[in-house]
Amino acid sequence: MTDKPTRRDLLKPVQLLGLAFIAAAFAGGVTLVAMGFFQALPAEDHQRALIVALVVAGVSFIATLLIVALLLLAVDPAEMDKPVDRPVLLPEEPDAPGGDEPSTT
């Protein structure tokens, strides 16, 4: 077989779903705490806080799943094995000194 990672190896659906679930649980928990769910409030306030937390958790789950999946699609599996021995943000070939740029002095 081949040693190069495939796109399926990079995606790992269980890890992707796990990350999205953790983000959703965190967002839902923060919403519950922020809306006072754990305080002595009337029952309708508890119900409202729970509904809002579920909506926030659902939106967070879908958004995290979508964003991470789209970011993983930007990765080329063939590029995973290539070593990077130069700064990533610099151009491939450095410009010669004294080029077209005007002098600042």
N, C-alpha and C. Protein backbone atom coordinates (compact mmCIF):
# COMPACT_ATOMS: atom_id res chain seq x y z
N MET A 1 0.83 -1.18 0.00
CA MET A 1 0.00 0.00 0.00
C MET A 1 0.88 1.25 0.00
N THR A 2 0.30 2.36 0.33
CA THR A 2 1.03 3.62 0.34
C THR A 2 1.10 4.18 1.75
N ASP A 3 2.17 4.93 2.03
CA ASP A 3 2.35 5.52 3.34
C ASP A 3 1.77 6.93 3.42
N LYS A 4 1.34 7.48 2.29
CA LYS A 4 0.79 8.83 2.29
C LYS A 4 -0.60 8.83 2.92
N PRO A 5 -0.88 9.85 3.73
CA PRO A 5 -2.23 9.91 4.33
C PRO A 5 -3.28 10.25 3.29
N THR A 6 -4.41 9.62 3.41
CA THR A 6 -5.52 9.91 2.50
C THR A 6 -6.41 10.97 3.14
N ARG A 7 -7.33 11.49 2.35
CA ARG A 7 -8.24 12.49 2.90
C ARG A 7 -9.09 11.87 4.01
N ARG A 8 -9.43 10.60 3.88
CA ARG A 8 -10.22 9.94 4.91
C ARG A 8 -9.43 9.84 6.22
N ASP A 9 -8.11 9.62 6.11
CA ASP A 9 -7.28 9.58 7.32
C ASP A 9 -7.24 10.94 8.01
N LEU A 10 -7.26 12.01 7.23
CA LEU A 10 -7.21 13.34 7.81
C LEU A 10 -8.53 13.74 8.45
N LEU A 11 -9.64 13.31 7.87
CA LEU A 11 -10.94 13.75 8.37
C LEU A 11 -11.32 13.09 9.69
N LYS A 12 -11.14 11.78 9.82
CA LYS A 12 -11.49 11.02 11.01
C LYS A 12 -12.85 11.49 11.58
N PRO A 13 -13.93 10.98 11.02
CA PRO A 13 -15.26 11.48 11.37
C PRO A 13 -15.59 11.43 12.87
N VAL A 14 -15.12 10.42 13.57
CA VAL A 14 -15.43 10.32 15.00
C VAL A 14 -14.78 11.47 15.77
N GLN A 15 -13.53 11.81 15.41
CA GLN A 15 -12.86 12.91 16.08
C GLN A 15 -13.52 14.24 15.74
N LEU A 16 -13.96 14.38 14.51
CA LEU A 16 -14.63 15.60 14.08
C LEU A 16 -15.95 15.79 14.84
N LEU A 17 -16.72 14.72 14.96
CA LEU A 17 -17.97 14.79 15.73
C LEU A 17 -17.72 15.01 17.21
N GLY A 18 -16.66 14.40 17.73
CA GLY A 18 -16.32 14.58 19.15
C GLY A 18 -15.94 16.02 19.46
N LEU A 19 -15.16 16.63 18.59
CA LEU A 19 -14.77 18.02 18.79
C LEU A 19 -15.99 18.94 18.74
N ALA A 20 -16.88 18.69 17.78
CA ALA A 20 -18.09 19.50 17.67
C ALA A 20 -19.00 19.31 18.88
N PHE A 21 -19.08 18.08 19.40
CA PHE A 21 -19.91 17.83 20.58
C PHE A 21 -19.35 18.53 21.81
N ILE A 22 -18.04 18.51 21.98
CA ILE A 22 -17.41 19.17 23.12
C ILE A 22 -17.64 20.68 23.05
N ALA A 23 -17.51 21.26 21.86
CA ALA A 23 -17.75 22.70 21.69
C ALA A 23 -19.22 23.03 21.99
N ALA A 24 -20.14 22.17 21.56
CA ALA A 24 -21.56 22.41 21.81
C ALA A 24 -21.88 22.29 23.31
N ALA A 25 -21.31 21.31 23.97
CA ALA A 25 -21.55 21.15 25.41
C ALA A 25 -21.00 22.35 26.19
N PHE A 26 -19.84 22.84 25.78
CA PHE A 26 -19.28 24.01 26.45
C PHE A 26 -20.17 25.24 26.25
N ALA A 27 -20.60 25.47 25.01
CA ALA A 27 -21.45 26.62 24.73
C ALA A 27 -22.78 26.52 25.47
N GLY A 28 -23.36 25.33 25.52
CA GLY A 28 -24.61 25.14 26.26
C GLY A 28 -24.43 25.35 27.75
N GLY A 29 -23.34 24.86 28.30
CA GLY A 29 -23.06 25.05 29.73
C GLY A 29 -22.85 26.51 30.08
N VAL A 30 -22.10 27.22 29.26
CA VAL A 30 -21.89 28.65 29.50
C VAL A 30 -23.22 29.40 29.42
N THR A 31 -24.07 29.03 28.49
CA THR A 31 -25.37 29.68 28.36
C THR A 31 -26.24 29.41 29.58
N LEU A 32 -26.23 28.18 30.08
CA LEU A 32 -27.00 27.87 31.28
C LEU A 32 -26.53 28.68 32.48
N VAL A 33 -25.21 28.77 32.64
CA VAL A 33 -24.68 29.53 33.77
C VAL A 33 -25.00 31.01 33.61
N ALA A 34 -24.87 31.53 32.39
CA ALA A 34 -25.11 32.95 32.16
C ALA A 34 -26.57 33.33 32.35
N MET A 35 -27.48 32.40 32.07
CA MET A 35 -28.91 32.71 32.22
C MET A 35 -29.46 32.36 33.60
N GLY A 36 -28.58 31.92 34.52
CA GLY A 36 -29.00 31.67 35.89
C GLY A 36 -29.78 30.39 36.09
N PHE A 37 -29.51 29.37 35.32
CA PHE A 37 -30.24 28.11 35.43
C PHE A 37 -30.01 27.45 36.80
N PHE A 38 -28.84 27.64 37.38
CA PHE A 38 -28.49 26.97 38.63
C PHE A 38 -28.83 27.81 39.85
N GLN A 39 -29.62 28.86 39.67
CA GLN A 39 -30.06 29.70 40.78
C GLN A 39 -31.52 29.40 41.10
N ALA A 40 -31.98 29.92 42.21
CA ALA A 40 -33.38 29.72 42.61
C ALA A 40 -34.24 30.73 41.84
N LEU A 41 -34.75 30.30 40.71
CA LEU A 41 -35.59 31.14 39.86
C LEU A 41 -36.92 30.43 39.63
N PRO A 42 -37.92 31.15 39.13
CA PRO A 42 -39.21 30.49 38.80
C PRO A 42 -39.02 29.44 37.70
N ALA A 43 -39.97 28.53 37.62
CA ALA A 43 -39.87 27.41 36.68
C ALA A 43 -39.82 27.86 35.23
N GLU A 44 -40.57 28.92 34.88
CA GLU A 44 -40.56 29.36 33.48
C GLU A 44 -39.20 29.94 33.08
N ASP A 45 -38.46 30.53 34.05
CA ASP A 45 -37.11 31.02 33.75
C ASP A 45 -36.15 29.85 33.52
N HIS A 46 -36.31 28.79 34.29
CA HIS A 46 -35.48 27.59 34.08
C HIS A 46 -35.75 26.98 32.70
N GLN A 47 -37.03 26.92 32.35
CA GLN A 47 -37.39 26.34 31.05
C GLN A 47 -36.84 27.20 29.91
N ARG A 48 -36.96 28.50 30.04
CA ARG A 48 -36.45 29.40 29.00
C ARG A 48 -34.92 29.27 28.87
N ALA A 49 -34.23 29.20 30.00
CA ALA A 49 -32.77 29.05 29.98
C ALA A 49 -32.38 27.73 29.32
N LEU A 50 -33.12 26.68 29.60
CA LEU A 50 -32.81 25.38 29.02
C LEU A 50 -33.03 25.37 27.51
N ILE A 51 -34.10 25.99 27.05
CA ILE A 51 -34.39 26.05 25.61
C ILE A 51 -33.32 26.87 24.89
N VAL A 52 -32.96 28.02 25.46
CA VAL A 52 -31.93 28.86 24.83
C VAL A 52 -30.59 28.12 24.81
N ALA A 53 -30.26 27.41 25.88
CA ALA A 53 -29.00 26.67 25.93
C ALA A 53 -28.98 25.56 24.88
N LEU A 54 -30.11 24.88 24.67
CA LEU A 54 -30.16 23.84 23.64
C LEU A 54 -30.01 24.43 22.24
N VAL A 55 -30.61 25.58 22.02
CA VAL A 55 -30.47 26.23 20.71
C VAL A 55 -29.02 26.66 20.48
N VAL A 56 -28.41 27.26 21.50
CA VAL A 56 -27.02 27.69 21.38
C VAL A 56 -26.10 26.48 21.17
N ALA A 57 -26.36 25.40 21.88
CA ALA A 57 -25.55 24.20 21.72
C ALA A 57 -25.71 23.62 20.32
N GLY A 58 -26.92 23.60 19.80
CA GLY A 58 -27.14 23.09 18.44
C GLY A 58 -26.46 23.94 17.39
N VAL A 59 -26.57 25.25 17.52
CA VAL A 59 -25.90 26.13 16.56
C VAL A 59 -24.39 25.98 16.65
N SER A 60 -23.89 25.87 17.87
CA SER A 60 -22.45 25.69 18.06
C SER A 60 -21.97 24.36 17.47
N PHE A 61 -22.75 23.30 17.65
CA PHE A 61 -22.39 22.00 17.09
C PHE A 61 -22.30 22.06 15.56
N ILE A 62 -23.32 22.63 14.94
CA ILE A 62 -23.35 22.69 13.48
C ILE A 62 -22.24 23.60 12.95
N ALA A 63 -22.04 24.76 13.60
CA ALA A 63 -21.01 25.69 13.15
C ALA A 63 -19.62 25.09 13.28
N THR A 64 -19.34 24.43 14.40
CA THR A 64 -18.03 23.80 14.60
C THR A 64 -17.80 22.69 13.59
N LEU A 65 -18.81 21.87 13.38
CA LEU A 65 -18.70 20.79 12.41
C LEU A 65 -18.42 21.32 11.01
N LEU A 66 -19.14 22.34 10.62
CA LEU A 66 -18.99 22.92 9.29
C LEU A 66 -17.63 23.59 9.11
N ILE A 67 -17.22 24.38 10.09
CA ILE A 67 -15.95 25.11 9.98
C ILE A 67 -14.77 24.15 9.94
N VAL A 68 -14.73 23.18 10.83
CA VAL A 68 -13.60 22.26 10.86
C VAL A 68 -13.57 21.39 9.61
N ALA A 69 -14.72 20.96 9.13
CA ALA A 69 -14.76 20.15 7.90
C ALA A 69 -14.27 20.95 6.70
N LEU A 70 -14.66 22.21 6.61
CA LEU A 70 -14.19 23.04 5.49
C LEU A 70 -12.70 23.33 5.60
N LEU A 71 -12.20 23.51 6.81
CA LEU A 71 -10.76 23.72 6.96
C LEU A 71 -9.97 22.46 6.60
N LEU A 72 -10.52 21.30 6.90
CA LEU A 72 -9.84 20.06 6.54
C LEU A 72 -9.85 19.82 5.04
N LEU A 73 -10.86 20.33 4.35
CA LEU A 73 -10.88 20.19 2.89
C LEU A 73 -9.80 21.03 2.22
N ALA A 74 -9.31 22.05 2.91
CA ALA A 74 -8.26 22.91 2.35
C ALA A 74 -6.89 22.23 2.40
N VAL A 75 -6.75 21.16 3.17
CA VAL A 75 -5.47 20.48 3.32
C VAL A 75 -5.31 19.47 2.19
N ASP A 76 -4.20 19.55 1.49
CA ASP A 76 -3.90 18.58 0.44
C ASP A 76 -3.14 17.42 1.08
N PRO A 77 -3.67 16.20 1.02
CA PRO A 77 -2.99 15.07 1.66
C PRO A 77 -1.59 14.82 1.11
N ALA A 78 -1.34 15.16 -0.13
CA ALA A 78 -0.01 14.95 -0.71
C ALA A 78 1.01 15.91 -0.10
N GLU A 79 0.56 17.04 0.41
CA GLU A 79 1.47 18.02 0.99
C GLU A 79 1.86 17.67 2.43
N MET A 80 1.25 16.67 3.02
CA MET A 80 1.51 16.35 4.42
C MET A 80 2.92 15.80 4.65
N ASP A 81 3.50 15.14 3.66
CA ASP A 81 4.81 14.51 3.83
C ASP A 81 5.97 15.42 3.47
N LYS A 82 5.72 16.54 2.81
CA LYS A 82 6.79 17.42 2.39
C LYS A 82 7.33 18.21 3.58
N PRO A 83 8.66 18.20 3.76
CA PRO A 83 9.23 19.00 4.85
C PRO A 83 9.23 20.48 4.47
N VAL A 84 9.04 21.33 5.46
CA VAL A 84 9.07 22.77 5.24
C VAL A 84 10.35 23.28 5.89
N ASP A 85 11.27 23.76 5.06
CA ASP A 85 12.56 24.21 5.58
C ASP A 85 12.78 25.71 5.39
N ARG A 86 11.68 26.44 5.22
CA ARG A 86 11.78 27.89 5.07
C ARG A 86 10.56 28.50 5.75
N PRO A 87 10.61 29.79 6.03
CA PRO A 87 9.42 30.43 6.61
C PRO A 87 8.23 30.33 5.65
N VAL A 88 7.09 30.05 6.18
CA VAL A 88 5.92 29.78 5.36
C VAL A 88 5.40 31.04 4.66
N LEU A 89 5.47 32.18 5.32
CA LEU A 89 4.88 33.39 4.77
C LEU A 89 5.79 34.14 3.81
N LEU A 90 7.05 33.72 3.69
CA LEU A 90 7.95 34.38 2.75
C LEU A 90 7.78 33.80 1.36
N PRO A 91 8.08 34.59 0.32
CA PRO A 91 7.96 34.05 -1.04
C PRO A 91 8.98 32.95 -1.30
N GLU A 92 8.74 32.19 -2.36
CA GLU A 92 9.62 31.05 -2.69
C GLU A 92 11.06 31.49 -2.90
N GLU A 93 11.27 32.54 -3.72
CA GLU A 93 12.62 33.03 -3.99
C GLU A 93 12.73 34.45 -3.44
N PRO A 94 13.71 34.69 -2.58
CA PRO A 94 13.84 36.05 -2.03
C PRO A 94 14.25 37.03 -3.13
N ASP A 95 13.74 38.27 -3.03
CA ASP A 95 14.07 39.30 -4.01
C ASP A 95 15.52 39.73 -3.84
N ALA A 96 16.15 40.11 -4.93
CA ALA A 96 17.53 40.58 -4.89
C ALA A 96 17.56 41.94 -4.22
N PRO A 97 18.62 42.23 -3.42
CA PRO A 97 18.71 43.55 -2.78
C PRO A 97 18.90 44.64 -3.85
N GLY A 98 18.34 45.81 -3.57
CA GLY A 98 18.45 46.92 -4.51
C GLY A 98 17.52 46.78 -5.69
N GLY A 99 16.36 46.19 -5.47
CA GLY A 99 15.41 45.94 -6.56
C GLY A 99 14.59 47.17 -6.89
N ASP A 100 13.33 46.98 -7.21
CA ASP A 100 12.46 48.05 -7.67
C ASP A 100 11.92 48.91 -6.53
N GLU A 101 12.10 48.48 -5.29
CA GLU A 101 11.51 49.21 -4.19
C GLU A 101 12.22 50.54 -3.99
N PRO A 102 11.47 51.61 -3.74
CA PRO A 102 12.09 52.91 -3.51
C PRO A 102 12.77 52.98 -2.15
N SER A 103 13.76 53.78 -2.05
CA SER A 103 14.50 53.94 -0.81
C SER A 103 13.70 54.80 0.17
N THR A 104 13.73 54.47 1.46
CA THR A 104 13.01 55.24 2.46
C THR A 104 13.89 56.29 3.11
N THR A 105 15.17 56.35 2.78
CA THR A 105 16.05 57.36 3.40
C THR A 105 16.19 58.57 2.55
